[in-house]
Amino acid sequence: MTMTQVDSWFYIPSTMHFSMIKKIRHFVEIRDSARLPMSWVDFKTVQGIIDDLIVNSILDDIVLRRMIERVFEEFRWEVKFNAVNDIISIEFIGEKEGNDKDFFDVIAPFVENESYIELDFEDYSCARWEFNGSECVERIGRYKRVWD
């Protein structure tokens, strides 16, 4: 089903990036070993991107930033950074609905409280993923974002 992002406010401070990446690496390793694929995501590519950083202990901010961009792109999301490397926005760059909520459940502890992403689907339903500082809560709605 086609999924379109309609709104968001999204923030991850740069101090959380390395911990977030390690948690994503653990997530894809477990999903891959359990043979629980995610739509559209190549786990081996994600693992390779992250391993380049972790194994080589590359902690340079520019390298970490580019690696984060590549990992999010593999999950079909584009992130933007401010001058101090905080993630300040996110945009869905895919076309179809997948297992995106699973990814956001993993990174939720690193996402700023009150961040959110709103999505519309081709069947006129919608979803809002709200971050509360520890988890990603999904709200499902009907046409024109009437939340249930």
N, C-alpha and C. Protein backbone atom coordinates (compact mmCIF):
# COMPACT_ATOMS: atom_id res chain seq x y z
N MET A 1 0.85 -1.16 0.00
CA MET A 1 0.00 0.00 0.00
C MET A 1 0.91 1.24 0.00
N THR A 2 0.56 2.23 -0.79
CA THR A 2 1.33 3.46 -0.86
C THR A 2 1.25 4.22 0.46
N MET A 3 2.40 4.73 0.89
CA MET A 3 2.50 5.48 2.15
C MET A 3 3.15 6.82 1.84
N THR A 4 2.55 7.91 2.34
CA THR A 4 3.06 9.26 2.12
C THR A 4 3.20 9.98 3.45
N GLN A 5 4.35 10.56 3.68
CA GLN A 5 4.53 11.37 4.88
C GLN A 5 3.90 12.73 4.66
N VAL A 6 3.12 13.19 5.64
CA VAL A 6 2.44 14.48 5.50
C VAL A 6 2.95 15.53 6.49
N ASP A 7 3.56 15.09 7.58
CA ASP A 7 4.05 16.06 8.56
C ASP A 7 5.01 15.36 9.51
N SER A 8 5.87 16.13 10.15
CA SER A 8 6.74 15.57 11.18
C SER A 8 7.44 16.69 11.95
N TRP A 9 7.84 16.37 13.13
CA TRP A 9 8.82 17.12 13.91
C TRP A 9 9.67 16.05 14.55
N PHE A 10 10.96 16.05 14.24
CA PHE A 10 11.80 14.92 14.58
C PHE A 10 13.17 15.42 14.98
N TYR A 11 13.67 14.94 16.13
CA TYR A 11 14.95 15.43 16.64
C TYR A 11 15.68 14.33 17.40
N ILE A 12 16.94 14.11 17.03
CA ILE A 12 17.82 13.21 17.77
C ILE A 12 19.13 13.97 18.02
N PRO A 13 19.47 14.23 19.29
CA PRO A 13 20.70 14.96 19.57
C PRO A 13 21.94 14.15 19.17
N SER A 14 22.97 14.84 18.75
CA SER A 14 24.19 14.18 18.28
C SER A 14 24.82 13.30 19.36
N THR A 15 24.61 13.62 20.61
CA THR A 15 25.18 12.82 21.70
C THR A 15 24.60 11.41 21.74
N MET A 16 23.49 11.18 21.07
CA MET A 16 22.83 9.87 21.06
C MET A 16 23.20 9.03 19.83
N HIS A 17 23.88 9.61 18.86
CA HIS A 17 24.07 8.93 17.58
C HIS A 17 24.81 7.60 17.68
N PHE A 18 25.94 7.58 18.37
CA PHE A 18 26.73 6.34 18.41
C PHE A 18 25.95 5.23 19.11
N SER A 19 25.31 5.53 20.22
CA SER A 19 24.50 4.52 20.92
C SER A 19 23.34 4.04 20.06
N MET A 20 22.72 4.96 19.33
CA MET A 20 21.61 4.60 18.44
C MET A 20 22.09 3.64 17.35
N ILE A 21 23.24 3.94 16.77
CA ILE A 21 23.77 3.10 15.69
C ILE A 21 24.09 1.70 16.21
N LYS A 22 24.65 1.60 17.39
CA LYS A 22 24.93 0.28 17.96
C LYS A 22 23.64 -0.50 18.19
N LYS A 23 22.59 0.18 18.61
CA LYS A 23 21.31 -0.50 18.83
C LYS A 23 20.70 -0.95 17.50
N ILE A 24 20.82 -0.13 16.46
CA ILE A 24 20.34 -0.52 15.13
C ILE A 24 21.11 -1.75 14.65
N ARG A 25 22.41 -1.77 14.87
CA ARG A 25 23.25 -2.91 14.45
C ARG A 25 22.77 -4.19 15.14
N HIS A 26 22.51 -4.10 16.43
CA HIS A 26 22.03 -5.26 17.19
C HIS A 26 20.67 -5.72 16.65
N PHE A 27 19.79 -4.78 16.37
CA PHE A 27 18.47 -5.07 15.83
C PHE A 27 18.55 -5.83 14.50
N VAL A 28 19.37 -5.34 13.55
CA VAL A 28 19.43 -6.00 12.25
C VAL A 28 20.11 -7.36 12.36
N GLU A 29 21.07 -7.50 13.28
CA GLU A 29 21.72 -8.79 13.48
C GLU A 29 20.71 -9.83 13.99
N ILE A 30 19.90 -9.45 14.96
CA ILE A 30 18.89 -10.37 15.50
C ILE A 30 17.84 -10.70 14.44
N ARG A 31 17.34 -9.69 13.76
CA ARG A 31 16.31 -9.93 12.72
C ARG A 31 16.86 -10.83 11.62
N ASP A 32 18.11 -10.58 11.22
CA ASP A 32 18.71 -11.37 10.15
C ASP A 32 18.94 -12.81 10.60
N SER A 33 19.47 -13.01 11.79
CA SER A 33 19.74 -14.38 12.25
C SER A 33 18.44 -15.16 12.50
N ALA A 34 17.39 -14.48 12.87
CA ALA A 34 16.09 -15.13 13.08
C ALA A 34 15.29 -15.26 11.79
N ARG A 35 15.87 -14.78 10.71
CA ARG A 35 15.22 -14.78 9.40
C ARG A 35 13.86 -14.08 9.44
N LEU A 36 13.87 -12.90 10.06
CA LEU A 36 12.68 -12.04 10.11
C LEU A 36 12.95 -10.81 9.25
N PRO A 37 12.77 -10.93 7.96
CA PRO A 37 13.11 -9.81 7.07
C PRO A 37 12.21 -8.60 7.27
N MET A 38 12.70 -7.47 6.85
CA MET A 38 11.91 -6.25 6.81
C MET A 38 11.73 -5.87 5.36
N SER A 39 10.54 -5.47 4.99
CA SER A 39 10.29 -5.06 3.61
C SER A 39 11.30 -4.01 3.19
N TRP A 40 11.91 -4.19 2.06
CA TRP A 40 12.78 -3.22 1.40
C TRP A 40 14.17 -3.07 2.01
N VAL A 41 14.48 -3.68 3.15
CA VAL A 41 15.74 -3.44 3.83
C VAL A 41 16.70 -4.61 3.61
N ASP A 42 17.92 -4.30 3.18
CA ASP A 42 18.97 -5.29 3.04
C ASP A 42 19.83 -5.26 4.30
N PHE A 43 19.62 -6.23 5.19
CA PHE A 43 20.32 -6.25 6.47
C PHE A 43 21.83 -6.29 6.31
N LYS A 44 22.33 -7.04 5.34
CA LYS A 44 23.78 -7.14 5.14
C LYS A 44 24.39 -5.78 4.81
N THR A 45 23.69 -4.99 4.03
CA THR A 45 24.18 -3.64 3.70
C THR A 45 24.22 -2.78 4.95
N VAL A 46 23.17 -2.83 5.75
CA VAL A 46 23.13 -2.04 6.98
C VAL A 46 24.25 -2.48 7.92
N GLN A 47 24.42 -3.78 8.09
CA GLN A 47 25.48 -4.29 8.95
C GLN A 47 26.85 -3.84 8.46
N GLY A 48 27.06 -3.87 7.15
CA GLY A 48 28.34 -3.45 6.58
C GLY A 48 28.63 -1.98 6.83
N ILE A 49 27.62 -1.14 6.66
CA ILE A 49 27.79 0.30 6.90
C ILE A 49 28.18 0.55 8.35
N ILE A 50 27.47 -0.09 9.26
CA ILE A 50 27.73 0.13 10.69
C ILE A 50 29.06 -0.49 11.11
N ASP A 51 29.36 -1.68 10.60
CA ASP A 51 30.62 -2.33 10.96
C ASP A 51 31.83 -1.50 10.53
N ASP A 52 31.73 -0.82 9.41
CA ASP A 52 32.82 0.06 8.99
C ASP A 52 33.14 1.08 10.07
N LEU A 53 32.13 1.56 10.72
CA LEU A 53 32.33 2.55 11.79
C LEU A 53 32.81 1.89 13.08
N ILE A 54 32.12 0.86 13.52
CA ILE A 54 32.41 0.26 14.82
C ILE A 54 33.75 -0.48 14.81
N VAL A 55 33.97 -1.33 13.81
CA VAL A 55 35.20 -2.13 13.77
C VAL A 55 36.43 -1.23 13.63
N ASN A 56 36.32 -0.20 12.83
CA ASN A 56 37.46 0.69 12.62
C ASN A 56 37.54 1.79 13.66
N SER A 57 36.59 1.81 14.59
CA SER A 57 36.56 2.83 15.66
C SER A 57 36.66 4.24 15.11
N ILE A 58 35.99 4.47 14.00
CA ILE A 58 35.99 5.80 13.40
C ILE A 58 34.94 6.64 14.12
N LEU A 59 35.38 7.64 14.85
CA LEU A 59 34.45 8.45 15.62
C LEU A 59 34.36 9.88 15.10
N ASP A 60 34.92 10.14 13.96
CA ASP A 60 34.87 11.45 13.35
C ASP A 60 33.41 11.83 13.08
N ASP A 61 33.02 13.05 13.46
CA ASP A 61 31.62 13.48 13.31
C ASP A 61 31.13 13.43 11.87
N ILE A 62 31.98 13.77 10.94
CA ILE A 62 31.56 13.77 9.53
C ILE A 62 31.32 12.35 9.05
N VAL A 63 32.18 11.43 9.42
CA VAL A 63 32.01 10.03 9.03
C VAL A 63 30.76 9.45 9.68
N LEU A 64 30.58 9.73 10.98
CA LEU A 64 29.39 9.23 11.69
C LEU A 64 28.11 9.79 11.05
N ARG A 65 28.13 11.05 10.71
CA ARG A 65 26.96 11.68 10.08
C ARG A 65 26.62 11.00 8.75
N ARG A 66 27.61 10.78 7.92
CA ARG A 66 27.37 10.14 6.62
C ARG A 66 26.88 8.71 6.80
N MET A 67 27.45 8.01 7.79
CA MET A 67 27.02 6.65 8.05
C MET A 67 25.56 6.61 8.50
N ILE A 68 25.17 7.55 9.36
CA ILE A 68 23.77 7.64 9.80
C ILE A 68 22.86 7.91 8.60
N GLU A 69 23.27 8.81 7.73
CA GLU A 69 22.48 9.09 6.52
C GLU A 69 22.28 7.81 5.71
N ARG A 70 23.36 7.05 5.51
CA ARG A 70 23.29 5.82 4.71
C ARG A 70 22.39 4.77 5.37
N VAL A 71 22.50 4.62 6.68
CA VAL A 71 21.67 3.63 7.39
C VAL A 71 20.19 4.00 7.26
N PHE A 72 19.87 5.26 7.52
CA PHE A 72 18.47 5.69 7.41
C PHE A 72 17.97 5.52 5.97
N GLU A 73 18.81 5.81 4.99
CA GLU A 73 18.41 5.63 3.60
C GLU A 73 18.10 4.16 3.29
N GLU A 74 18.85 3.25 3.88
CA GLU A 74 18.57 1.83 3.68
C GLU A 74 17.18 1.47 4.23
N PHE A 75 16.76 2.17 5.27
CA PHE A 75 15.42 1.96 5.83
C PHE A 75 14.37 2.84 5.14
N ARG A 76 14.80 3.58 4.09
CA ARG A 76 13.93 4.41 3.24
C ARG A 76 13.52 5.72 3.90
N TRP A 77 14.41 6.29 4.69
CA TRP A 77 14.17 7.57 5.34
C TRP A 77 15.40 8.47 5.13
N GLU A 78 15.14 9.73 4.93
CA GLU A 78 16.22 10.71 4.78
C GLU A 78 16.21 11.64 5.99
N VAL A 79 17.38 11.84 6.58
CA VAL A 79 17.49 12.73 7.74
C VAL A 79 18.32 13.96 7.36
N LYS A 80 18.02 15.05 8.04
CA LYS A 80 18.76 16.31 7.88
C LYS A 80 19.39 16.65 9.23
N PHE A 81 20.52 17.31 9.17
CA PHE A 81 21.29 17.66 10.36
C PHE A 81 21.43 19.17 10.49
N ASN A 82 21.62 19.64 11.73
CA ASN A 82 21.95 21.04 11.93
C ASN A 82 23.48 21.18 12.00
N ALA A 83 23.97 22.37 12.34
CA ALA A 83 25.41 22.65 12.34
C ALA A 83 26.18 21.85 13.38
N VAL A 84 25.50 21.40 14.44
CA VAL A 84 26.19 20.61 15.47
C VAL A 84 25.86 19.12 15.36
N ASN A 85 25.36 18.72 14.20
CA ASN A 85 25.11 17.32 13.85
C ASN A 85 23.93 16.66 14.56
N ASP A 86 23.03 17.44 15.13
CA ASP A 86 21.78 16.87 15.63
C ASP A 86 20.91 16.55 14.42
N ILE A 87 20.16 15.46 14.48
CA ILE A 87 19.18 15.19 13.43
C ILE A 87 17.97 16.06 13.72
N ILE A 88 17.59 16.88 12.75
CA ILE A 88 16.52 17.86 12.98
C ILE A 88 15.28 17.63 12.11
N SER A 89 15.36 16.70 11.18
CA SER A 89 14.16 16.38 10.40
C SER A 89 14.32 15.02 9.75
N ILE A 90 13.19 14.48 9.34
CA ILE A 90 13.16 13.16 8.70
C ILE A 90 12.11 13.19 7.60
N GLU A 91 12.39 12.45 6.52
CA GLU A 91 11.45 12.40 5.40
C GLU A 91 11.43 10.99 4.83
N PHE A 92 10.23 10.48 4.60
CA PHE A 92 10.06 9.16 3.98
C PHE A 92 10.41 9.26 2.51
N ILE A 93 11.34 8.43 2.04
CA ILE A 93 11.76 8.48 0.64
C ILE A 93 11.37 7.20 -0.10
N GLY A 94 10.61 6.35 0.57
CA GLY A 94 10.12 5.14 -0.08
C GLY A 94 8.81 5.41 -0.77
N GLU A 95 8.17 4.35 -1.16
CA GLU A 95 6.88 4.49 -1.83
C GLU A 95 5.79 3.68 -1.12
N LYS A 96 6.13 2.48 -0.75
CA LYS A 96 5.14 1.57 -0.17
C LYS A 96 5.36 1.40 1.32
N GLU A 97 4.27 1.04 2.00
CA GLU A 97 4.32 0.73 3.42
C GLU A 97 5.19 -0.52 3.64
N GLY A 98 5.95 -0.50 4.71
CA GLY A 98 6.80 -1.65 5.05
C GLY A 98 6.75 -1.90 6.54
N ASN A 99 7.89 -2.27 7.10
CA ASN A 99 8.02 -2.53 8.52
C ASN A 99 8.63 -1.32 9.23
N ASP A 100 8.32 -0.15 8.79
CA ASP A 100 8.96 1.06 9.29
C ASP A 100 8.77 1.25 10.80
N LYS A 101 7.62 0.93 11.30
CA LYS A 101 7.35 1.09 12.74
C LYS A 101 8.34 0.29 13.57
N ASP A 102 8.73 -0.90 13.11
CA ASP A 102 9.71 -1.72 13.83
C ASP A 102 11.03 -0.96 13.99
N PHE A 103 11.46 -0.29 12.93
CA PHE A 103 12.70 0.50 12.97
C PHE A 103 12.57 1.63 14.00
N PHE A 104 11.45 2.32 13.99
CA PHE A 104 11.27 3.43 14.93
C PHE A 104 11.12 2.96 16.37
N ASP A 105 10.62 1.75 16.57
CA ASP A 105 10.60 1.19 17.92
C ASP A 105 12.02 1.03 18.46
N VAL A 106 12.95 0.66 17.58
CA VAL A 106 14.34 0.47 17.99
C VAL A 106 15.01 1.79 18.36
N ILE A 107 14.79 2.83 17.56
CA ILE A 107 15.50 4.09 17.81
C ILE A 107 14.74 5.04 18.74
N ALA A 108 13.53 4.66 19.15
CA ALA A 108 12.69 5.53 19.97
C ALA A 108 13.38 6.08 21.22
N PRO A 109 14.17 5.30 21.96
CA PRO A 109 14.80 5.86 23.16
C PRO A 109 15.76 7.02 22.88
N PHE A 110 16.18 7.17 21.64
CA PHE A 110 17.14 8.21 21.28
C PHE A 110 16.47 9.45 20.68
N VAL A 111 15.18 9.30 20.35
CA VAL A 111 14.43 10.38 19.70
C VAL A 111 13.85 11.30 20.77
N GLU A 112 13.94 12.57 20.52
CA GLU A 112 13.46 13.59 21.47
C GLU A 112 11.96 13.42 21.75
N ASN A 113 11.61 13.55 23.02
CA ASN A 113 10.21 13.54 23.44
C ASN A 113 9.41 14.56 22.62
N GLU A 114 8.20 14.19 22.25
CA GLU A 114 7.26 15.00 21.46
C GLU A 114 7.58 15.04 19.97
N SER A 115 8.59 14.30 19.52
CA SER A 115 8.79 14.14 18.09
C SER A 115 7.64 13.31 17.55
N TYR A 116 7.34 13.47 16.26
CA TYR A 116 6.26 12.69 15.65
C TYR A 116 6.45 12.62 14.15
N ILE A 117 5.79 11.64 13.53
CA ILE A 117 5.73 11.49 12.08
C ILE A 117 4.29 11.15 11.74
N GLU A 118 3.71 11.88 10.78
CA GLU A 118 2.34 11.60 10.33
C GLU A 118 2.37 11.07 8.90
N LEU A 119 1.55 10.04 8.66
CA LEU A 119 1.53 9.35 7.38
C LEU A 119 0.11 9.16 6.88
N ASP A 120 -0.05 9.24 5.57
CA ASP A 120 -1.31 8.91 4.91
C ASP A 120 -1.08 7.68 4.05
N PHE A 121 -2.15 6.87 3.89
CA PHE A 121 -2.08 5.66 3.08
C PHE A 121 -3.12 5.73 1.97
N GLU A 122 -2.90 4.94 0.93
CA GLU A 122 -3.77 5.01 -0.24
C GLU A 122 -5.21 4.58 0.05
N ASP A 123 -5.45 3.88 1.16
CA ASP A 123 -6.82 3.47 1.51
C ASP A 123 -7.52 4.54 2.35
N TYR A 124 -6.92 5.73 2.41
CA TYR A 124 -7.45 6.89 3.15
C TYR A 124 -7.30 6.76 4.66
N SER A 125 -6.59 5.76 5.13
CA SER A 125 -6.28 5.69 6.55
C SER A 125 -5.01 6.51 6.79
N CYS A 126 -4.67 6.68 8.04
CA CYS A 126 -3.47 7.45 8.38
C CYS A 126 -2.90 6.92 9.69
N ALA A 127 -1.66 7.31 9.95
CA ALA A 127 -1.00 6.91 11.19
C ALA A 127 -0.16 8.08 11.69
N ARG A 128 0.00 8.12 12.98
CA ARG A 128 0.88 9.11 13.61
C ARG A 128 1.75 8.34 14.60
N TRP A 129 3.05 8.43 14.40
CA TRP A 129 4.00 7.81 15.32
C TRP A 129 4.51 8.91 16.24
N GLU A 130 4.23 8.76 17.52
CA GLU A 130 4.62 9.75 18.52
C GLU A 130 5.70 9.18 19.41
N PHE A 131 6.72 9.97 19.66
CA PHE A 131 7.86 9.55 20.48
C PHE A 131 7.76 10.23 21.84
N ASN A 132 7.92 9.44 22.89
CA ASN A 132 7.77 9.99 24.24
C ASN A 132 9.06 9.94 25.06
N GLY A 133 10.18 9.77 24.39
CA GLY A 133 11.46 9.71 25.07
C GLY A 133 11.93 8.30 25.36
N SER A 134 11.02 7.33 25.23
CA SER A 134 11.42 5.94 25.44
C SER A 134 10.81 4.97 24.43
N GLU A 135 9.65 5.33 23.87
CA GLU A 135 9.01 4.44 22.91
C GLU A 135 8.32 5.23 21.81
N CYS A 136 7.97 4.49 20.76
CA CYS A 136 7.23 5.05 19.63
C CYS A 136 5.81 4.50 19.72
N VAL A 137 4.86 5.41 19.91
CA VAL A 137 3.46 5.03 20.06
C VAL A 137 2.74 5.31 18.74
N GLU A 138 2.05 4.30 18.24
CA GLU A 138 1.34 4.45 16.97
C GLU A 138 -0.12 4.76 17.22
N ARG A 139 -0.59 5.82 16.57
CA ARG A 139 -2.01 6.15 16.58
C ARG A 139 -2.53 5.95 15.16
N ILE A 140 -3.61 5.23 15.03
CA ILE A 140 -4.22 4.97 13.73
C ILE A 140 -5.43 5.88 13.58
N GLY A 141 -5.61 6.41 12.38
CA GLY A 141 -6.73 7.31 12.16
C GLY A 141 -7.45 7.01 10.85
N ARG A 142 -8.48 7.74 10.66
CA ARG A 142 -9.26 7.64 9.43
C ARG A 142 -8.94 8.83 8.54
N TYR A 143 -9.60 8.92 7.45
CA TYR A 143 -9.40 9.98 6.47
C TYR A 143 -9.34 11.36 7.13
N LYS A 144 -8.44 12.18 6.66
CA LYS A 144 -8.22 13.54 7.15
C LYS A 144 -7.72 13.58 8.58
N ARG A 145 -7.01 12.53 8.96
CA ARG A 145 -6.33 12.46 10.26
C ARG A 145 -7.28 12.66 11.45
N VAL A 146 -8.37 11.92 11.44
CA VAL A 146 -9.25 11.83 12.59
C VAL A 146 -8.75 10.65 13.39
N TRP A 147 -8.16 10.91 14.57
CA TRP A 147 -7.48 9.85 15.31
C TRP A 147 -8.45 9.02 16.13
N ASP A 148 -8.26 7.72 16.07
CA ASP A 148 -9.07 6.80 16.89
C ASP A 148 -8.48 6.73 18.28
